[in-house]
C-alpha atoms as a PDB file:
ATOM      1  CA  UNK A   1      85.026 -68.605  -6.863  1.00  0.00           C
ATOM      2  CA  UNK A   2      85.261 -72.357  -7.441  1.00  0.00           C
ATOM      3  CA  UNK A   3      82.271 -74.663  -7.787  1.00  0.00           C
ATOM      4  CA  UNK A   4      82.794 -78.414  -8.304  1.00  0.00           C
ATOM      5  CA  UNK A   5      86.195 -77.947  -9.908  1.00  0.00           C
ATOM      6  CA  UNK A   6      85.068 -75.301 -12.418  1.00  0.00           C
ATOM      7  CA  UNK A   7      86.714 -71.923 -12.413  1.00  0.00           C
ATOM      8  CA  UNK A   8      84.563 -68.813 -12.392  1.00  0.00           C
ATOM      9  CA  UNK A   9      85.424 -65.119 -12.708  1.00  0.00           C
ATOM     10  CA  UNK A  10      88.906 -65.649 -14.182  1.00  0.00           C
ATOM     11  CA  UNK A  11      90.347 -67.460 -11.161  1.00  0.00           C
ATOM     12  CA  UNK A  12      93.780 -68.942 -11.829  1.00  0.00           C
ATOM     13  CA  UNK A  13      94.224 -72.712 -11.397  1.00  0.00           C
ATOM     14  CA  UNK A  14      95.895 -73.894  -8.216  1.00  0.00           C
ATOM     15  CA  UNK A  15      99.602 -74.607  -8.656  1.00  0.00           C
ATOM     16  CA  UNK A  16     100.939 -77.130  -6.121  1.00  0.00           C
ATOM     17  CA  UNK A  17     103.897 -75.803  -4.124  1.00  0.00           C
ATOM     18  CA  UNK A  18     105.516 -79.217  -3.789  1.00  0.00           C
ATOM     19  CA  UNK A  19     105.461 -82.587  -5.545  1.00  0.00           C
ATOM     20  CA  UNK A  20     104.071 -84.324  -2.471  1.00  0.00           C
ATOM     21  CA  UNK A  21     100.963 -82.155  -2.704  1.00  0.00           C
ATOM     22  CA  UNK A  22     100.119 -83.666  -6.077  1.00  0.00           C
ATOM     23  CA  UNK A  23     100.402 -87.167  -4.625  1.00  0.00           C
ATOM     24  CA  UNK A  24      98.246 -86.142  -1.664  1.00  0.00           C
ATOM     25  CA  UNK A  25      95.503 -84.833  -3.961  1.00  0.00           C
ATOM     26  CA  UNK A  26      95.595 -88.054  -5.993  1.00  0.00           C
ATOM     27  CA  UNK A  27      95.415 -90.147  -2.804  1.00  0.00           C
ATOM     28  CA  UNK A  28      92.472 -88.031  -1.656  1.00  0.00           C
ATOM     29  CA  UNK A  29      90.698 -88.752  -4.960  1.00  0.00           C
ATOM     30  CA  UNK A  30      91.338 -92.499  -4.598  1.00  0.00           C
ATOM     31  CA  UNK A  31      89.890 -92.346  -1.099  1.00  0.00           C
ATOM     32  CA  UNK A  32      86.784 -90.597  -2.429  1.00  0.00           C
ATOM     33  CA  UNK A  33      86.397 -93.357  -5.010  1.00  0.00           C
ATOM     34  CA  UNK A  34      86.586 -95.951  -2.219  1.00  0.00           C
ATOM     35  CA  UNK A  35      83.827 -94.106  -0.334  1.00  0.00           C
ATOM     36  CA  UNK A  36      81.726 -93.995  -3.510  1.00  0.00           C
ATOM     37  CA  UNK A  37      82.320 -97.699  -4.198  1.00  0.00           C
ATOM     38  CA  UNK A  38      81.263 -98.557  -0.638  1.00  0.00           C
ATOM     39  CA  UNK A  39      78.180 -96.327  -0.750  1.00  0.00           C
ATOM     40  CA  UNK A  40      77.017 -97.639  -4.110  1.00  0.00           C
ATOM     41  CA  UNK A  41      77.624-101.208  -2.913  1.00  0.00           C
ATOM     42  CA  UNK A  42      75.490-100.666   0.187  1.00  0.00           C
ATOM     43  CA  UNK A  43      72.719 -99.101  -1.890  1.00  0.00           C
ATOM     44  CA  UNK A  44      72.829-101.996  -4.364  1.00  0.00           C
ATOM     45  CA  UNK A  45      72.674-104.640  -1.625  1.00  0.00           C
ATOM     46  CA  UNK A  46      69.811-102.735   0.008  1.00  0.00           C
ATOM     47  CA  UNK A  47      67.829-102.760  -3.229  1.00  0.00           C
ATOM     48  CA  UNK A  48      68.470-106.489  -3.687  1.00  0.00           C
ATOM     49  CA  UNK A  49      67.396-107.270  -0.103  1.00  0.00           C
ATOM     50  CA  UNK A  50      64.203-105.246  -0.483  1.00  0.00           C
ATOM     51  CA  UNK A  51      63.299-106.745  -3.868  1.00  0.00           C
ATOM     52  CA  UNK A  52      64.151-110.315  -2.784  1.00  0.00           C
ATOM     53  CA  UNK A  53      61.877-109.968   0.227  1.00  0.00           C
ATOM     54  CA  UNK A  54      59.069-108.624  -1.927  1.00  0.00           C
ATOM     55  CA  UNK A  55      59.538-111.500  -4.385  1.00  0.00           C
ATOM     56  CA  UNK A  56      59.456-114.131  -1.638  1.00  0.00           C
ATOM     57  CA  UNK A  57      56.423-112.496  -0.010  1.00  0.00           C
ATOM     58  CA  UNK A  58      54.496-112.403  -3.278  1.00  0.00           C
ATOM     59  CA  UNK A  59      55.237-116.021  -4.126  1.00  0.00           C
ATOM     60  CA  UNK A  60      54.591-117.471  -0.676  1.00  0.00           C
ATOM     61  CA  UNK A  61      52.042-115.012   0.665  1.00  0.00           C
ATOM     62  CA  UNK A  62      54.420-114.004   3.481  1.00  0.00           C
ATOM     63  CA  UNK A  63      55.293-110.649   4.960  1.00  0.00           C
ATOM     64  CA  UNK A  64      58.024-108.496   3.402  1.00  0.00           C
ATOM     65  CA  UNK A  65      58.215-105.831   6.138  1.00  0.00           C
ATOM     66  CA  UNK A  66      61.535-107.063   7.561  1.00  0.00           C
ATOM     67  CA  UNK A  67      63.294-107.239   4.209  1.00  0.00           C
ATOM     68  CA  UNK A  68      61.858-103.851   3.266  1.00  0.00           C
ATOM     69  CA  UNK A  69      63.136-102.362   6.527  1.00  0.00           C
ATOM     70  CA  UNK A  70      66.605-103.885   6.194  1.00  0.00           C
ATOM     71  CA  UNK A  71      66.779-102.954   2.524  1.00  0.00           C
ATOM     72  CA  UNK A  72      65.823 -99.346   3.180  1.00  0.00           C
ATOM     73  CA  UNK A  73      68.267 -99.178   6.101  1.00  0.00           C
ATOM     74  CA  UNK A  74      71.074-100.364   3.816  1.00  0.00           C
ATOM     75  CA  UNK A  75      70.114 -97.791   1.191  1.00  0.00           C
ATOM     76  CA  UNK A  76      70.092 -95.062   3.850  1.00  0.00           C
ATOM     77  CA  UNK A  77      73.490 -96.201   5.136  1.00  0.00           C
ATOM     78  CA  UNK A  78      74.819 -96.141   1.560  1.00  0.00           C
ATOM     79  CA  UNK A  79      73.540 -92.587   1.081  1.00  0.00           C
ATOM     80  CA  UNK A  80      75.107 -91.549   4.398  1.00  0.00           C
ATOM     81  CA  UNK A  81      78.389 -93.116   3.265  1.00  0.00           C
ATOM     82  CA  UNK A  82      78.324 -91.074   0.051  1.00  0.00           C
ATOM     83  CA  UNK A  83      77.648 -87.864   1.966  1.00  0.00           C
ATOM     84  CA  UNK A  84      80.396 -88.532   4.526  1.00  0.00           C
ATOM     85  CA  UNK A  85      82.862 -89.449   1.770  1.00  0.00           C
ATOM     86  CA  UNK A  86      82.162 -86.303  -0.238  1.00  0.00           C
ATOM     87  CA  UNK A  87      82.398 -84.130   2.871  1.00  0.00           C
ATOM     88  CA  UNK A  88      85.727 -85.716   3.827  1.00  0.00           C
ATOM     89  CA  UNK A  89      87.038 -85.289   0.279  1.00  0.00           C
ATOM     90  CA  UNK A  90      86.379 -81.545   0.221  1.00  0.00           C
ATOM     91  CA  UNK A  91      87.663 -81.102   3.772  1.00  0.00           C
ATOM     92  CA  UNK A  92      90.881 -82.987   3.012  1.00  0.00           C
ATOM     93  CA  UNK A  93      91.315 -81.123  -0.264  1.00  0.00           C
ATOM     94  CA  UNK A  94      91.174 -77.800   1.569  1.00  0.00           C
ATOM     95  CA  UNK A  95      93.633 -79.005   4.220  1.00  0.00           C
ATOM     96  CA  UNK A  96      96.087 -80.279   1.587  1.00  0.00           C
ATOM     97  CA  UNK A  97      96.068 -76.876  -0.107  1.00  0.00           C
ATOM     98  CA  UNK A  98      96.572 -75.106   3.210  1.00  0.00           C
ATOM     99  CA  UNK A  99      99.356 -77.485   4.230  1.00  0.00           C
ATOM    100  CA  UNK A 100      97.709 -78.540   7.475  1.00  0.00           C
ATOM    101  CA  UNK A 101      96.409 -81.831   8.796  1.00  0.00           C
ATOM    102  CA  UNK A 102      93.866 -82.499  11.512  1.00  0.00           C
ATOM    103  CA  UNK A 103      92.678 -86.080  11.827  1.00  0.00           C
ATOM    104  CA  UNK A 104      89.036 -86.665  12.715  1.00  0.00           C
ATOM    105  CA  UNK A 105      87.577 -90.060  13.431  1.00  0.00           C
ATOM    106  CA  UNK A 106      83.955 -88.970  13.919  1.00  0.00           C
ATOM    107  CA  UNK A 107      82.866 -89.170  10.253  1.00  0.00           C
ATOM    108  CA  UNK A 108      84.192 -92.703   9.960  1.00  0.00           C
ATOM    109  CA  UNK A 109      82.641 -93.761  13.240  1.00  0.00           C
ATOM    110  CA  UNK A 110      79.198 -92.647  12.025  1.00  0.00           C
ATOM    111  CA  UNK A 111      79.363 -95.161   9.180  1.00  0.00           C
ATOM    112  CA  UNK A 112      80.912 -97.864  11.391  1.00  0.00           C
ATOM    113  CA  UNK A 113      78.254 -97.345  14.079  1.00  0.00           C
ATOM    114  CA  UNK A 114      75.474 -97.445  11.483  1.00  0.00           C
ATOM    115  CA  UNK A 115      76.853-100.703  10.088  1.00  0.00           C
ATOM    116  CA  UNK A 116      77.125-102.245  13.552  1.00  0.00           C
ATOM    117  CA  UNK A 117      73.585-101.221  14.513  1.00  0.00           C
ATOM    118  CA  UNK A 118      72.247-102.657  11.274  1.00  0.00           C
ATOM    119  CA  UNK A 119      74.191-105.899  11.773  1.00  0.00           C
ATOM    120  CA  UNK A 120      72.983-106.209  15.378  1.00  0.00           C
ATOM    121  CA  UNK A 121      69.383-105.629  14.303  1.00  0.00           C
ATOM    122  CA  UNK A 122      69.725-108.327  11.659  1.00  0.00           C
ATOM    123  CA  UNK A 123      71.180-110.782  14.187  1.00  0.00           C
ATOM    124  CA  UNK A 124      68.395-110.077  16.681  1.00  0.00           C
ATOM    125  CA  UNK A 125      65.790-110.433  13.935  1.00  0.00           C
ATOM    126  CA  UNK A 126      67.316-113.737  12.778  1.00  0.00           C
ATOM    127  CA  UNK A 127      67.426-115.187  16.289  1.00  0.00           C
ATOM    128  CA  UNK A 128      63.893-114.171  17.298  1.00  0.00           C
ATOM    129  CA  UNK A 129      62.033-114.784  14.053  1.00  0.00           C
END
């Protein structure tokens, strides 16, 4: 049994059958790092947006609900990005070992759609506020 890269019960390490498999695993890891970088970036921007809105509201007596909503939405999108990236990593890792490939666009479209909805909401808010 394998849990997060650790071997249990005397399992032998996986030996790649071909050199290309090693490169594929390394590319898969780089892709995971890109997902993580994107997710952490979205979370960071969300925290900044939320805190900036709270700071402006406290200094001017305004309302911070919009910045709180957009900030939390960005944090949620960042968390979703991390989950999708990790899921894709483990799925691709399994497929590389099995020597098969089946492309799926749905996981990527979830993040793209979330980004577009958030951007559209921000545009509508900016125009009508």
